Protein backbone atom coordinates (compact mmCIF):
# COMPACT_ATOMS: atom_id res chain seq x y z
CA MET A 1 1.36 20.97 4.64
CA SER A 2 2.50 22.85 1.58
CA ARG A 3 0.48 22.87 -1.60
CA SER A 4 3.07 20.67 -3.34
CA ILE A 5 2.87 18.05 -0.57
CA HIS A 6 -0.93 18.07 -0.86
CA ALA A 7 -0.50 17.35 -4.56
CA ASP A 8 1.91 14.50 -3.81
CA LEU A 9 -0.52 12.90 -1.36
CA ASP A 10 -3.26 13.14 -3.96
CA ARG A 11 -1.05 11.05 -6.29
CA PRO A 12 1.19 9.03 -3.98
CA SER A 13 2.09 6.31 -6.50
CA TRP A 14 3.16 8.90 -9.09
CA ALA A 15 5.10 10.90 -6.51
CA ALA A 16 6.92 7.78 -5.29
CA LEU A 17 7.60 6.36 -8.75
CA THR A 18 9.06 9.63 -10.03
CA THR A 19 11.28 10.32 -7.01
CA ARG A 20 12.40 7.95 -4.26
CA GLN A 21 11.18 4.70 -5.83
CA THR A 22 12.03 5.24 -9.48
CA HIS A 23 14.38 2.24 -9.31
CA LEU A 24 11.46 -0.04 -8.38
CA GLY A 25 9.40 0.73 -11.46
CA ALA A 26 9.31 1.50 -15.16
CA GLY A 27 7.63 3.95 -17.51
CA ASP A 28 8.00 7.42 -18.92
CA GLU A 29 6.89 10.99 -18.28
CA LEU A 30 3.23 10.07 -18.87
CA ALA A 31 2.73 6.73 -17.12
CA ARG A 32 4.68 4.64 -14.64
CA ARG A 33 4.21 1.36 -12.79
CA TYR A 34 6.00 -0.68 -10.15
CA HIS A 35 7.68 -3.87 -11.29
CA PRO A 36 5.06 -6.65 -11.00
CA ASN A 37 6.86 -8.49 -8.18
CA VAL A 38 7.20 -5.24 -6.19
CA ALA A 39 3.64 -3.86 -6.20
CA PRO A 40 0.60 -3.79 -8.52
CA PHE A 41 0.25 0.00 -8.54
CA ALA A 42 0.57 2.31 -11.54
CA ALA A 43 0.04 6.03 -12.01
CA LEU A 44 -0.51 8.66 -14.70
CA ALA A 45 0.99 12.12 -14.97
CA CYS A 46 -2.46 13.29 -16.09
CA GLU A 47 -5.63 11.58 -17.25
CA THR A 48 -5.32 12.06 -21.00
CA ARG A 49 -5.68 9.60 -23.87
CA VAL A 50 -1.97 9.74 -24.63
CA ALA A 51 -1.16 8.94 -20.97
CA TYR A 52 -3.56 5.98 -21.01
CA GLN A 53 -1.90 4.80 -24.23
CA SER A 54 1.47 4.97 -22.50
CA LEU A 55 0.08 2.88 -19.63
CA TYR A 56 -1.33 0.38 -22.12
CA GLU A 57 2.12 -0.07 -23.61
CA LEU A 58 3.59 -0.77 -20.15
CA LEU A 59 1.30 -3.79 -19.70
CA LEU A 60 1.74 -7.25 -21.13
CA PRO A 61 -1.56 -8.74 -22.34
CA HIS A 62 -1.94 -10.92 -19.23
CA GLU A 63 -0.99 -8.21 -16.70
CA GLN A 64 -3.11 -5.90 -14.59
CA VAL A 65 -2.33 -2.88 -12.46
CA VAL A 66 -4.22 -0.76 -9.95
CA LEU A 67 -4.71 3.01 -10.13
CA GLN A 68 -5.72 5.29 -7.28
CA SER A 69 -7.58 8.45 -8.31
CA VAL A 70 -9.49 11.32 -6.77
CA GLU A 71 -12.21 11.09 -9.43
CA SER A 72 -13.70 7.99 -11.03
CA MET A 73 -11.83 7.01 -14.18
CA TRP A 74 -13.40 7.41 -17.59
CA PRO A 75 -13.42 4.39 -19.92
CA MET A 76 -10.87 3.82 -22.68
CA ASP A 77 -11.44 1.47 -25.60
CA ALA A 78 -8.08 -0.28 -25.25
CA LEU A 79 -8.30 -0.79 -21.49
CA GLN A 80 -10.54 -2.87 -19.27
CA MET A 81 -11.37 -0.88 -16.13
CA THR A 82 -12.93 -2.37 -13.01
CA HIS A 83 -13.84 -0.25 -10.00
CA LEU A 84 -12.61 -2.04 -6.87
CA GLY A 85 -13.95 0.29 -4.21
CA MET A 86 -13.29 3.44 -2.24
CA VAL A 87 -10.11 3.85 -0.20
CA ASP A 88 -9.50 6.20 2.72
CA GLN A 89 -6.12 7.85 3.02
CA MET A 90 -5.25 8.49 6.66
CA VAL A 91 -2.32 10.64 7.82
CA ALA A 92 -0.64 10.76 11.23
CA THR A 93 -1.50 14.17 12.62
CA HIS A 94 0.64 14.31 15.75
CA HIS A 95 3.64 12.51 17.17
CA GLY A 96 2.97 9.05 18.53
CA ALA A 97 3.74 7.64 21.97
CA ALA A 98 7.33 8.09 23.10
CA SER A 99 7.45 4.64 24.72
CA ILE A 100 6.41 1.54 22.76
CA ASP A 101 7.13 -2.08 23.67
CA ASP A 102 9.61 -3.30 21.07
CA GLN A 103 11.45 -6.06 22.92
CA ASP A 104 10.19 -8.92 20.72
CA VAL A 105 10.06 -6.98 17.43
CA ILE A 106 12.61 -7.96 14.79
CA PRO A 107 13.66 -6.50 11.42
CA LEU A 108 12.58 -8.47 8.36
CA GLY A 109 14.32 -8.60 5.01
CA ILE A 110 14.92 -10.56 1.86
CA GLY A 111 15.90 -13.65 3.84
CA ASP A 112 12.44 -13.72 5.42
CA VAL A 113 10.45 -13.36 2.19
CA ASN A 114 9.11 -16.93 2.10
CA GLU A 115 7.76 -16.62 5.65
CA MET A 116 6.34 -13.18 4.89
CA LEU A 117 4.58 -14.56 1.83
CA ASP A 118 3.20 -17.43 3.91
CA LEU A 119 1.76 -15.00 6.46
CA VAL A 120 0.30 -12.85 3.68
CA GLN A 121 -1.32 -15.93 2.13
CA LYS A 122 -2.98 -16.73 5.47
CA THR A 123 -4.12 -13.24 6.39
CA LYS A 124 -4.75 -11.57 3.00
CA PRO A 125 -3.60 -8.03 3.90
CA GLY A 126 -3.53 -6.87 0.29
CA PRO A 127 -0.94 -7.00 -2.49
CA PHE A 128 2.47 -8.34 -1.49
CA GLY A 129 5.10 -9.80 -3.81
CA THR A 130 8.52 -11.34 -3.69
CA ARG A 131 10.19 -7.91 -3.85
CA THR A 132 7.71 -5.82 -1.84
CA CYS A 133 10.08 -5.76 1.13
CA GLU A 134 12.50 -3.68 -0.99
CA MET A 135 10.10 -0.74 -0.76
CA GLY A 136 11.04 0.12 2.83
CA ASN A 137 11.61 -1.15 6.35
CA TYR A 138 9.71 -4.24 7.50
CA ILE A 139 9.37 -5.51 11.05
CA GLY A 140 7.73 -8.55 12.60
CA ILE A 141 7.06 -10.64 15.68
CA ARG A 142 7.82 -14.35 16.07
CA ASP A 143 6.41 -16.89 18.47
CA GLN A 144 8.63 -19.95 18.96
CA GLY A 145 10.36 -19.09 15.71
CA ARG A 146 7.14 -18.70 13.71
CA LEU A 147 6.37 -15.34 12.09
CA ILE A 148 2.99 -14.32 13.49
CA ALA A 149 2.77 -10.58 12.72
CA MET A 150 4.40 -8.01 10.47
CA ALA A 151 4.09 -4.54 9.01
CA GLY A 152 6.22 -2.37 6.77
CA GLU A 153 6.70 0.65 4.56
CA ARG A 154 5.40 0.78 1.00
CA MET A 155 5.17 4.04 -0.98
CA ARG A 156 7.90 6.54 -0.12
CA LEU A 157 7.64 10.13 -1.32
CA ASP A 158 9.34 13.30 -0.20
CA GLY A 159 8.31 13.92 3.40
CA TYR A 160 5.89 10.99 3.60
CA VAL A 161 6.09 7.21 4.03
CA GLU A 162 3.16 4.82 3.72
CA ILE A 163 2.63 2.06 6.29
CA SER A 164 1.28 -1.14 4.78
CA ALA A 165 1.18 -4.98 4.92
CA VAL A 166 -0.07 -4.88 8.51
CA CYS A 167 -1.07 -8.46 9.26
CA VAL A 168 -1.45 -10.75 12.25
CA ASP A 169 -1.98 -14.50 12.28
CA GLU A 170 -5.55 -15.30 13.27
CA ASP A 171 -4.48 -17.18 16.41
CA TRP A 172 -2.70 -14.08 17.76
CA ARG A 173 -5.27 -11.39 16.97
CA GLY A 174 -6.76 -9.25 19.70
CA ARG A 175 -3.45 -8.82 21.54
CA GLY A 176 -2.53 -5.40 20.21
CA LEU A 177 0.24 -6.64 17.91
CA ALA A 178 -0.94 -4.65 14.88
CA GLY A 179 -1.11 -1.44 16.87
CA ARG A 180 2.38 -1.95 18.27
CA LEU A 181 3.92 -2.58 14.86
CA VAL A 182 2.19 0.43 13.29
CA SER A 183 3.27 2.63 16.21
CA LEU A 184 6.88 1.47 15.96
CA LEU A 185 7.02 2.13 12.22
CA ARG A 186 5.43 5.52 12.74
CA ARG A 187 7.97 6.37 15.45
CA ASP A 188 10.87 5.51 13.15
CA ILE A 189 9.33 7.48 10.28
CA GLU A 190 8.91 10.52 12.51
CA HIS A 191 12.49 10.19 13.81
CA ARG A 192 13.57 10.60 10.17
CA GLY A 193 11.60 13.84 9.97
CA GLU A 194 8.82 12.33 7.83
CA THR A 195 5.09 11.75 8.29
CA ALA A 196 3.35 8.38 8.19
CA PHE A 197 0.23 7.74 6.14
CA LEU A 198 -1.74 4.66 5.12
CA HIS A 199 -4.67 3.45 3.03
CA VAL A 200 -7.65 1.35 4.04
CA PHE A 201 -10.89 0.44 2.30
CA SER A 202 -13.62 2.85 3.37
CA ASP A 203 -15.95 0.10 4.62
CA ASN A 204 -13.34 -1.48 6.91
CA ARG A 205 -14.60 0.11 10.10
CA SER A 206 -12.51 -2.02 12.48
CA ALA A 207 -9.18 -1.04 10.90
CA ILE A 208 -10.25 2.60 10.55
CA GLY A 209 -11.14 2.60 14.25
CA LEU A 210 -7.70 1.25 15.16
CA TYR A 211 -5.86 3.84 13.08
CA ASP A 212 -8.03 6.61 14.50
CA ARG A 213 -7.04 5.51 18.02
CA LEU A 214 -3.38 5.50 16.96
CA GLY A 215 -3.59 9.13 15.86
CA PHE A 216 -4.28 8.86 12.13
CA GLU A 217 -6.92 11.10 10.58
CA LEU A 218 -8.83 10.84 7.32
CA ARG A 219 -7.33 13.12 4.70
CA ARG A 220 -9.05 12.08 1.48
CA THR A 221 -11.04 9.27 -0.11
CA PHE A 222 -9.98 7.77 -3.44
CA HIS A 223 -11.34 5.49 -6.14
CA LEU A 224 -9.38 2.28 -6.69
CA THR A 225 -9.51 0.89 -10.24
CA ARG A 226 -8.03 -2.24 -11.80
CA ILE A 227 -6.61 -1.74 -15.30
CA ALA A 228 -5.89 -4.45 -17.88
CA HIS A 229 -5.84 -4.81 -21.67
CA ALA A 230 -9.41 -4.83 -22.95
CA ASP A 231 -8.49 -7.60 -25.38
CA SER A 232 -6.68 -9.77 -22.82
CA GLY A 233 -9.74 -11.90 -22.13
CA SER A 234 -8.77 -11.95 -18.46
CA THR A 235 -11.58 -12.03 -15.94
CA LYS A 236 -9.35 -12.83 -12.96
CA PRO A 237 -10.26 -10.46 -10.14
CA PHE A 238 -7.56 -8.48 -8.38
CA ASP A 239 -7.10 -9.91 -4.87
CA THR A 240 -8.49 -7.22 -2.59
CA THR A 241 -9.28 -10.18 -0.62
CA VAL A 242 -11.95 -10.57 1.35
CA ALA A 243 -10.21 -10.34 4.73
CA ASP A 244 -12.29 -7.25 5.37
CA LYS A 245 -11.49 -5.92 1.88
CA GLU A 246 -8.46 -3.90 2.87
CA LEU A 247 -5.71 -2.29 0.88
CA GLY A 248 -2.37 -3.11 2.41
CA VAL A 249 -3.65 -3.80 5.91
CA THR A 250 -5.48 -6.61 7.61
CA ARG A 251 -7.87 -6.95 10.49
CA PRO A 252 -6.02 -6.17 13.77
């Protein structure tokens, strides 16, 4: 990888929000965020007081966003910062299998949002909103018309696409559905000449084991921090939810 790509992977939200996903967010040259119904992530051009002030001005008093950083974030008087945990970034290091069973896999889109939200509510894969499916391609599996598994693309930056929202209904787990969906997304990403990557909480050993078997390797570990107005009075925790405490993926 080139040095510039390394820098992009170190700040994937910023790289996405200033290039291929600018239309899905708001902000300026110092701070940017996704629209709230797209994703909860925000990013800074650099960690300076003026950049934090710009981020503060992007937030309504009741809102909160999540920042991913290589180093732990230093406190700011105007912002409430809560450390959510450590997140592993894993990158596909070689081409996946040429043949993957895709006969029952279907594309998902805006017309499927209510069902996607229902599955997310049941499985708690991480943040997912009414417009998250606009971030990239989403695919799923149905059983007798019921959506039982899905996965999709989230952050998109030059040369790289993040796989996220990997979730399987509890009654259908253990059948390899998550691995199939991830492999299919990865195959399509690679056919476009790009590389797949993903994020998972560092203590989620089962998901990390799956992604390792699928050919993803640890690249870097990040801090994940929730940001809100210090004077908002909000104590509502960000939903990292407890289904193995994952970011954008659920237990396979």
